[in-house]
Amino acid sequence: MLSGEWSAAYAVVRPPGHHVGRNGRALMAPTQGFCIFNNVAVGAVYAIEQGINRVAILDIDVHHGNGTQEIFYEDPRSYT
């Protein structure tokens, strides 16, 4: 993607780390589950900082990814 060789890509990531927010908390709740790093957020931010125009995070887990929400909720680059 970053070299321009591909026009689209996807990654199936497990664990997504979706409970890890900022500073070990997510939406004022302590980080939950076995999440240590928010892999999805790290990858999305890296891609954006390297010039990728659009990144979609599709979380198909059966519960709320409060950490990912917290990280991107007030980011001016985010769209809902």
C-alpha atoms as a PDB file:
ATOM      1  CA  MET A   1       0.000   0.000   0.000  1.00  0.00           C
ATOM      2  CA  LEU A   2       2.609   2.528   1.038  1.00  0.00           C
ATOM      3  CA  SER A   3       4.775   1.896  -2.025  1.00  0.00           C
ATOM      4  CA  GLY A   4       1.800   2.390  -4.332  1.00  0.00           C
ATOM      5  CA  GLU A   5       1.973  -1.141  -5.690  1.00  0.00           C
ATOM      6  CA  TRP A   6      -1.506  -1.950  -4.336  1.00  0.00           C
ATOM      7  CA  SER A   7      -4.624   0.226  -4.378  1.00  0.00           C
ATOM      8  CA  ALA A   8      -6.404  -1.556  -1.522  1.00  0.00           C
ATOM      9  CA  ALA A   9      -5.570  -3.925   1.301  1.00  0.00           C
ATOM     10  CA  TYR A  10      -7.071  -5.490   4.400  1.00  0.00           C
ATOM     11  CA  ALA A  11      -5.716  -7.124   7.513  1.00  0.00           C
ATOM     12  CA  VAL A  12      -7.390  -9.706   9.688  1.00  0.00           C
ATOM     13  CA  VAL A  13      -6.002  -8.958  13.142  1.00  0.00           C
ATOM     14  CA  ARG A  14      -6.452 -10.980  16.302  1.00  0.00           C
ATOM     15  CA  PRO A  15      -6.480  -9.779  18.993  1.00  0.00           C
ATOM     16  CA  PRO A  16      -7.573  -6.343  17.835  1.00  0.00           C
ATOM     17  CA  GLY A  17      -6.812  -4.731  21.184  1.00  0.00           C
ATOM     18  CA  HIS A  18     -10.040  -2.786  20.941  1.00  0.00           C
ATOM     19  CA  HIS A  19     -10.367  -2.302  24.708  1.00  0.00           C
ATOM     20  CA  VAL A  20      -7.103  -0.388  25.016  1.00  0.00           C
ATOM     21  CA  GLY A  21      -7.645   3.352  25.014  1.00  0.00           C
ATOM     22  CA  ARG A  22      -5.420   6.220  26.034  1.00  0.00           C
ATOM     23  CA  ASN A  23      -3.323   5.984  29.193  1.00  0.00           C
ATOM     24  CA  GLY A  24      -4.507   2.478  30.132  1.00  0.00           C
ATOM     25  CA  ARG A  25      -8.124   3.521  30.276  1.00  0.00           C
ATOM     26  CA  ALA A  26     -10.946   3.578  27.748  1.00  0.00           C
ATOM     27  CA  LEU A  27     -13.897   5.927  28.115  1.00  0.00           C
ATOM     28  CA  MET A  28     -13.024   6.334  31.808  1.00  0.00           C
ATOM     29  CA  ALA A  29     -13.059   2.562  32.425  1.00  0.00           C
ATOM     30  CA  PRO A  30      -9.890   0.557  33.176  1.00  0.00           C
ATOM     31  CA  THR A  31      -8.561  -1.341  30.165  1.00  0.00           C
ATOM     32  CA  GLN A  32     -10.488  -4.590  29.897  1.00  0.00           C
ATOM     33  CA  GLY A  33      -9.849  -8.119  28.739  1.00  0.00           C
ATOM     34  CA  PHE A  34      -6.521  -9.406  27.522  1.00  0.00           C
ATOM     35  CA  CYS A  35      -5.820  -6.363  25.378  1.00  0.00           C
ATOM     36  CA  ILE A  36      -2.368  -4.864  25.908  1.00  0.00           C
ATOM     37  CA  PHE A  37      -1.863  -2.937  22.656  1.00  0.00           C
ATOM     38  CA  ASN A  38      -4.575  -1.593  20.379  1.00  0.00           C
ATOM     39  CA  ASN A  39      -3.117  -3.201  17.239  1.00  0.00           C
ATOM     40  CA  VAL A  40      -5.887  -1.887  15.010  1.00  0.00           C
ATOM     41  CA  ALA A  41      -5.462   1.725  16.154  1.00  0.00           C
ATOM     42  CA  VAL A  42      -1.671   1.575  15.838  1.00  0.00           C
ATOM     43  CA  GLY A  43      -1.945   0.289  12.275  1.00  0.00           C
ATOM     44  CA  ALA A  44      -4.598   2.827  11.294  1.00  0.00           C
ATOM     45  CA  VAL A  45      -2.663   5.791  12.683  1.00  0.00           C
ATOM     46  CA  TYR A  46       0.544   4.595  11.028  1.00  0.00           C
ATOM     47  CA  ALA A  47      -1.169   4.254   7.656  1.00  0.00           C
ATOM     48  CA  ILE A  48      -2.692   7.736   7.944  1.00  0.00           C
ATOM     49  CA  GLU A  49       0.621   9.276   8.948  1.00  0.00           C
ATOM     50  CA  GLN A  50       2.270   7.626   5.926  1.00  0.00           C
ATOM     51  CA  GLY A  51      -0.200   9.229   3.533  1.00  0.00           C
ATOM     52  CA  ILE A  52      -3.020   6.722   3.195  1.00  0.00           C
ATOM     53  CA  ASN A  53      -6.171   8.812   2.664  1.00  0.00           C
ATOM     54  CA  ARG A  54      -8.801   6.468   4.051  1.00  0.00           C
ATOM     55  CA  VAL A  55      -8.705   3.739   6.679  1.00  0.00           C
ATOM     56  CA  ALA A  56     -11.754   1.789   7.838  1.00  0.00           C
ATOM     57  CA  ILE A  57     -11.863  -0.189  11.067  1.00  0.00           C
ATOM     58  CA  LEU A  58     -14.550  -2.848  10.992  1.00  0.00           C
ATOM     59  CA  ASP A  59     -14.810  -4.537  14.376  1.00  0.00           C
ATOM     60  CA  ILE A  60     -16.994  -7.618  14.092  1.00  0.00           C
ATOM     61  CA  ASP A  61     -16.471  -8.754  17.673  1.00  0.00           C
ATOM     62  CA  VAL A  62     -19.653  -9.223  19.694  1.00  0.00           C
ATOM     63  CA  HIS A  63     -19.032  -6.372  22.126  1.00  0.00           C
ATOM     64  CA  HIS A  64     -18.058  -2.711  22.160  1.00  0.00           C
ATOM     65  CA  GLY A  65     -14.470  -1.759  21.277  1.00  0.00           C
ATOM     66  CA  ASN A  66     -14.424   1.151  23.711  1.00  0.00           C
ATOM     67  CA  GLY A  67     -10.671   1.740  23.427  1.00  0.00           C
ATOM     68  CA  THR A  68     -10.753   2.175  19.662  1.00  0.00           C
ATOM     69  CA  GLN A  69     -13.736   4.493  19.998  1.00  0.00           C
ATOM     70  CA  GLU A  70     -11.930   6.617  22.557  1.00  0.00           C
ATOM     71  CA  ILE A  71      -8.770   6.898  20.454  1.00  0.00           C
ATOM     72  CA  PHE A  72     -10.569   8.111  17.324  1.00  0.00           C
ATOM     73  CA  TYR A  73     -13.756   9.730  18.682  1.00  0.00           C
ATOM     74  CA  GLU A  74     -12.432  13.314  18.772  1.00  0.00           C
ATOM     75  CA  ASP A  75      -9.775  12.909  16.069  1.00  0.00           C
ATOM     76  CA  PRO A  76     -10.512  15.540  13.407  1.00  0.00           C
ATOM     77  CA  ARG A  77      -9.461  13.048  10.712  1.00  0.00           C
ATOM     78  CA  SER A  78     -12.228  10.630  11.773  1.00  0.00           C
ATOM     79  CA  TYR A  79     -15.624  10.326  10.168  1.00  0.00           C
ATOM     80  CA  THR A  80     -18.585   8.423  11.549  1.00  0.00           C
END
